[in-house]
PDB file of all heavy atoms in Angstrom:
ATOM      1  N   CYS A   1     231.945-166.079  93.433  1.00  0.00           N
ATOM      2  CA  CYS A   1     232.804-164.995  93.935  1.00  0.00           C
ATOM      3  C   CYS A   1     232.768-163.798  92.988  1.00  0.00           C
ATOM      4  O   CYS A   1     232.743-162.642  93.429  1.00  0.00           O
ATOM      5  CB  CYS A   1     234.240-165.492  94.098  1.00  0.00           C
ATOM      6  SG  CYS A   1     234.476-166.610  95.488  1.00  0.00           S
ATOM      7  N   MET A   2     232.762-164.070  91.680  1.00  0.00           N
ATOM      8  CA  MET A   2     232.686-162.977  90.719  1.00  0.00           C
ATOM      9  C   MET A   2     231.355-162.254  90.843  1.00  0.00           C
ATOM     10  O   MET A   2     231.283-161.024  90.753  1.00  0.00           O
ATOM     11  CB  MET A   2     232.881-163.512  89.298  1.00  0.00           C
ATOM     12  CG  MET A   2     232.701-162.451  88.210  1.00  0.00           C
ATOM     13  SD  MET A   2     233.804-161.017  88.412  1.00  0.00           S
ATOM     14  CE  MET A   2     235.362-161.724  87.863  1.00  0.00           C
ATOM     15  N   GLY A   3     230.284-162.999  91.067  1.00  0.00           N
ATOM     16  CA  GLY A   3     228.985-162.373  91.272  1.00  0.00           C
ATOM     17  C   GLY A   3     228.986-161.459  92.482  1.00  0.00           C
ATOM     18  O   GLY A   3     228.441-160.345  92.440  1.00  0.00           O
ATOM     19  N   SER A   4     229.618-161.900  93.567  1.00  0.00           N
ATOM     20  CA  SER A   4     229.726-161.062  94.762  1.00  0.00           C
ATOM     21  C   SER A   4     230.516-159.795  94.470  1.00  0.00           C
ATOM     22  O   SER A   4     230.165-158.698  94.933  1.00  0.00           O
ATOM     23  CB  SER A   4     230.392-161.851  95.899  1.00  0.00           C
ATOM     24  OG  SER A   4     229.615-162.961  96.269  1.00  0.00           O
ATOM     25  N   ALA A   5     231.588-159.939  93.688  1.00  0.00           N
ATOM     26  CA  ALA A   5     232.399-158.778  93.330  1.00  0.00           C
ATOM     27  C   ALA A   5     231.587-157.793  92.492  1.00  0.00           C
ATOM     28  O   ALA A   5     231.708-156.569  92.661  1.00  0.00           O
ATOM     29  CB  ALA A   5     233.644-159.225  92.569  1.00  0.00           C
ATOM     30  N   MET A   6     230.754-158.306  91.609  1.00  0.00           N
ATOM     31  CA  MET A   6     229.910-157.433  90.790  1.00  0.00           C
ATOM     32  C   MET A   6     228.950-156.623  91.657  1.00  0.00           C
ATOM     33  O   MET A   6     228.795-155.406  91.486  1.00  0.00           O
ATOM     34  CB  MET A   6     229.126-158.264  89.776  1.00  0.00           C
ATOM     35  CG  MET A   6     229.961-158.860  88.670  1.00  0.00           C
ATOM     36  SD  MET A   6     228.942-159.903  87.590  1.00  0.00           S
ATOM     37  CE  MET A   6     230.173-160.488  86.437  1.00  0.00           C
ATOM     38  N   PHE A   7     228.310-157.278  92.601  1.00  0.00           N
ATOM     39  CA  PHE A   7     227.382-156.558  93.470  1.00  0.00           C
ATOM     40  C   PHE A   7     228.129-155.594  94.399  1.00  0.00           C
ATOM     41  O   PHE A   7     227.599-154.551  94.778  1.00  0.00           O
ATOM     42  CB  PHE A   7     226.526-157.537  94.275  1.00  0.00           C
ATOM     43  CG  PHE A   7     225.353-158.063  93.499  1.00  0.00           C
ATOM     44  CD1 PHE A   7     225.339-159.363  93.023  1.00  0.00           C
ATOM     45  CD2 PHE A   7     224.263-157.245  93.220  1.00  0.00           C
ATOM     46  CE1 PHE A   7     224.261-159.842  92.292  1.00  0.00           C
ATOM     47  CE2 PHE A   7     223.184-157.718  92.489  1.00  0.00           C
ATOM     48  CZ  PHE A   7     223.178-159.021  92.028  1.00  0.00           C
ATOM     49  N   GLY A   8     229.365-155.946  94.756  1.00  0.00           N
ATOM     50  CA  GLY A   8     230.174-155.008  95.526  1.00  0.00           C
ATOM     51  C   GLY A   8     230.474-153.754  94.724  1.00  0.00           C
ATOM     52  O   GLY A   8     230.448-152.625  95.249  1.00  0.00           O
ATOM     53  N   ALA A   9     230.730-153.944  93.424  1.00  0.00           N
ATOM     54  CA  ALA A   9     230.990-152.792  92.549  1.00  0.00           C
ATOM     55  C   ALA A   9     229.747-151.931  92.407  1.00  0.00           C
ATOM     56  O   ALA A   9     229.829-150.699  92.339  1.00  0.00           O
ATOM     57  CB  ALA A   9     231.459-153.280  91.181  1.00  0.00           C
ATOM     58  N   VAL A  10     228.561-152.570  92.393  1.00  0.00           N
ATOM     59  CA  VAL A  10     227.308-151.809  92.319  1.00  0.00           C
ATOM     60  C   VAL A  10     227.068-151.059  93.628  1.00  0.00           C
ATOM     61  O   VAL A  10     226.589-149.918  93.628  1.00  0.00           O
ATOM     62  CB  VAL A  10     226.125-152.748  91.989  1.00  0.00           C
ATOM     63  CG1 VAL A  10     224.797-151.990  92.069  1.00  0.00           C
ATOM     64  CG2 VAL A  10     226.293-153.355  90.605  1.00  0.00           C
ATOM     65  N   ALA A  11     227.413-151.688  94.738  1.00  0.00           N
ATOM     66  CA  ALA A  11     227.257-151.012  96.031  1.00  0.00           C
ATOM     67  C   ALA A  11     228.136-149.764  96.107  1.00  0.00           C
ATOM     68  O   ALA A  11     227.737-148.733  96.673  1.00  0.00           O
ATOM     69  CB  ALA A  11     227.594-151.971  97.167  1.00  0.00           C
ATOM     70  N   ALA A  12     229.316-149.846  95.508  1.00  0.00           N
ATOM     71  CA  ALA A  12     230.208-148.683  95.499  1.00  0.00           C
ATOM     72  C   ALA A  12     229.671-147.594  94.584  1.00  0.00           C
ATOM     73  O   ALA A  12     229.817-146.390  94.864  1.00  0.00           O
ATOM     74  CB  ALA A  12     231.610-149.106  95.052  1.00  0.00           C
ATOM     75  N   GLY A  13     229.018-148.010  93.513  1.00  0.00           N
ATOM     76  CA  GLY A  13     228.471-147.032  92.569  1.00  0.00           C
ATOM     77  C   GLY A  13     229.555-146.438  91.678  1.00  0.00           C
ATOM     78  O   GLY A  13     230.762-146.563  91.946  1.00  0.00           O
ATOM     79  N   ARG A  14     229.122-145.765  90.621  1.00  0.00           N
ATOM     80  CA  ARG A  14     230.086-145.184  89.692  1.00  0.00           C
ATOM     81  C   ARG A  14     230.970-144.146  90.383  1.00  0.00           C
ATOM     82  O   ARG A  14     232.164-144.030  90.091  1.00  0.00           O
ATOM     83  CB  ARG A  14     229.350-144.558  88.496  1.00  0.00           C
ATOM     84  CG  ARG A  14     230.276-144.087  87.374  1.00  0.00           C
ATOM     85  CD  ARG A  14     229.495-143.760  86.125  1.00  0.00           C
ATOM     86  NE  ARG A  14     228.836-144.928  85.575  1.00  0.00           N
ATOM     87  CZ  ARG A  14     229.446-145.830  84.804  1.00  0.00           C
ATOM     88  NH1 ARG A  14     230.740-145.678  84.505  1.00  0.00           N
ATOM     89  NH2 ARG A  14     228.790-146.857  84.335  1.00  0.00           N
ATOM     90  N   LYS A  15     230.405-143.398  91.326  1.00  0.00           N
ATOM     91  CA  LYS A  15     231.198-142.395  92.041  1.00  0.00           C
ATOM     92  C   LYS A  15     232.295-143.031  92.876  1.00  0.00           C
ATOM     93  O   LYS A  15     233.327-142.409  93.147  1.00  0.00           O
ATOM     94  CB  LYS A  15     230.287-141.546  92.919  1.00  0.00           C
ATOM     95  CG  LYS A  15     229.350-140.633  92.135  1.00  0.00           C
ATOM     96  CD  LYS A  15     228.511-139.786  93.082  1.00  0.00           C
ATOM     97  CE  LYS A  15     227.593-138.842  92.301  1.00  0.00           C
ATOM     98  NZ  LYS A  15     226.752-138.010  93.215  1.00  0.00           N
ATOM     99  N   GLY A  16     232.062-144.245  93.315  1.00  0.00           N
ATOM    100  CA  GLY A  16     233.061-144.936  94.124  1.00  0.00           C
ATOM    101  C   GLY A  16     233.961-145.848  93.318  1.00  0.00           C
ATOM    102  O   GLY A  16     234.668-146.686  93.884  1.00  0.00           O
ATOM    103  N   GLY A  17     233.932-145.704  91.998  1.00  0.00           N
ATOM    104  CA  GLY A  17     234.792-146.517  91.150  1.00  0.00           C
ATOM    105  C   GLY A  17     234.141-147.783  90.640  1.00  0.00           C
ATOM    106  O   GLY A  17     234.816-148.601  89.997  1.00  0.00           O
ATOM    107  N   GLY A  18     232.838-147.933  90.921  1.00  0.00           N
ATOM    108  CA  GLY A  18     232.143-149.131  90.477  1.00  0.00           C
ATOM    109  C   GLY A  18     231.137-148.847  89.385  1.00  0.00           C
ATOM    110  O   GLY A  18     231.438-148.099  88.452  1.00  0.00           O
ATOM    111  N   TYR A  19     229.950-149.408  89.543  1.00  0.00           N
ATOM    112  CA  TYR A  19     228.916-149.275  88.518  1.00  0.00           C
ATOM    113  C   TYR A  19     227.583-148.982  89.201  1.00  0.00           C
ATOM    114  O   TYR A  19     227.351-149.348  90.351  1.00  0.00           O
ATOM    115  CB  TYR A  19     228.827-150.556  87.684  1.00  0.00           C
ATOM    116  CG  TYR A  19     230.143-150.910  87.045  1.00  0.00           C
ATOM    117  CD1 TYR A  19     231.014-151.818  87.668  1.00  0.00           C
ATOM    118  CD2 TYR A  19     230.539-150.326  85.854  1.00  0.00           C
ATOM    119  CE1 TYR A  19     232.231-152.132  87.102  1.00  0.00           C
ATOM    120  CE2 TYR A  19     231.764-150.636  85.277  1.00  0.00           C
ATOM    121  CZ  TYR A  19     232.612-151.537  85.901  1.00  0.00           C
ATOM    122  OH  TYR A  19     233.821-151.824  85.344  1.00  0.00           O
ATOM    123  N   ASP A  20     226.680-148.352  88.487  1.00  0.00           N
ATOM    124  CA  ASP A  20     225.401-147.964  89.068  1.00  0.00           C
ATOM    125  C   ASP A  20     224.347-149.066  88.977  1.00  0.00           C
ATOM    126  O   ASP A  20     223.377-149.056  89.735  1.00  0.00           O
ATOM    127  CB  ASP A  20     224.866-146.695  88.389  1.00  0.00           C
ATOM    128  CG  ASP A  20     225.674-145.463  88.761  1.00  0.00           C
ATOM    129  OD1 ASP A  20     226.282-145.469  89.860  1.00  0.00           O
ATOM    130  OD2 ASP A  20     225.716-144.513  87.964  1.00  0.00           O
ATOM    131  N   THR A  21     224.493-150.006  88.059  1.00  0.00           N
ATOM    132  CA  THR A  21     223.528-151.103  87.935  1.00  0.00           C
ATOM    133  C   THR A  21     224.267-152.419  87.763  1.00  0.00           C
ATOM    134  O   THR A  21     225.429-152.454  87.326  1.00  0.00           O
ATOM    135  CB  THR A  21     222.600-150.903  86.725  1.00  0.00           C
ATOM    136  OG1 THR A  21     223.358-151.029  85.517  1.00  0.00           O
ATOM    137  CG2 THR A  21     221.908-149.533  86.771  1.00  0.00           C
ATOM    138  N   ILE A  22     223.575-153.510  88.100  1.00  0.00           N
ATOM    139  CA  ILE A  22     224.202-154.814  87.944  1.00  0.00           C
ATOM    140  C   ILE A  22     224.412-155.136  86.475  1.00  0.00           C
ATOM    141  O   ILE A  22     225.380-155.814  86.103  1.00  0.00           O
ATOM    142  CB  ILE A  22     223.353-155.910  88.636  1.00  0.00           C
ATOM    143  CG1 ILE A  22     224.088-157.253  88.655  1.00  0.00           C
ATOM    144  CG2 ILE A  22     221.998-156.050  87.971  1.00  0.00           C
ATOM    145  CD1 ILE A  22     225.392-157.249  89.423  1.00  0.00           C
ATOM    146  N   GLU A  23     223.531-154.607  85.600  1.00  0.00           N
ATOM    147  CA  GLU A  23     223.721-154.833  84.171  1.00  0.00           C
ATOM    148  C   GLU A  23     225.044-154.235  83.684  1.00  0.00           C
ATOM    149  O   GLU A  23     225.758-154.850  82.888  1.00  0.00           O
ATOM    150  CB  GLU A  23     222.549-154.252  83.383  1.00  0.00           C
ATOM    151  CG  GLU A  23     221.239-155.018  83.515  1.00  0.00           C
ATOM    152  CD  GLU A  23     220.455-154.677  84.773  1.00  0.00           C
ATOM    153  OE1 GLU A  23     220.929-153.804  85.555  1.00  0.00           O
ATOM    154  OE2 GLU A  23     219.385-155.268  84.987  1.00  0.00           O
ATOM    155  N   GLU A  24     225.378-153.045  84.172  1.00  0.00           N
ATOM    156  CA  GLU A  24     226.646-152.415  83.798  1.00  0.00           C
ATOM    157  C   GLU A  24     227.822-153.233  84.319  1.00  0.00           C
ATOM    158  O   GLU A  24     228.838-153.414  83.623  1.00  0.00           O
ATOM    159  CB  GLU A  24     226.707-150.997  84.364  1.00  0.00           C
ATOM    160  CG  GLU A  24     225.733-150.020  83.720  1.00  0.00           C
ATOM    161  CD  GLU A  24     225.782-148.656  84.397  1.00  0.00           C
ATOM    162  OE1 GLU A  24     226.618-148.478  85.312  1.00  0.00           O
ATOM    163  OE2 GLU A  24     224.992-147.782  84.013  1.00  0.00           O
ATOM    164  N   ALA A  25     227.697-153.725  85.545  1.00  0.00           N
ATOM    165  CA  ALA A  25     228.783-154.516  86.133  1.00  0.00           C
ATOM    166  C   ALA A  25     228.982-155.824  85.375  1.00  0.00           C
ATOM    167  O   ALA A  25     230.125-156.240  85.113  1.00  0.00           O
ATOM    168  CB  ALA A  25     228.475-154.803  87.603  1.00  0.00           C
TER     169      ALA A  25
END
């Protein structure tokens, strides 16, 4: 579930409050 959340954050991107790469997440 945490892995899914990480990829969700990458999908949102930094502009959307997430991260631009999975490494950053």
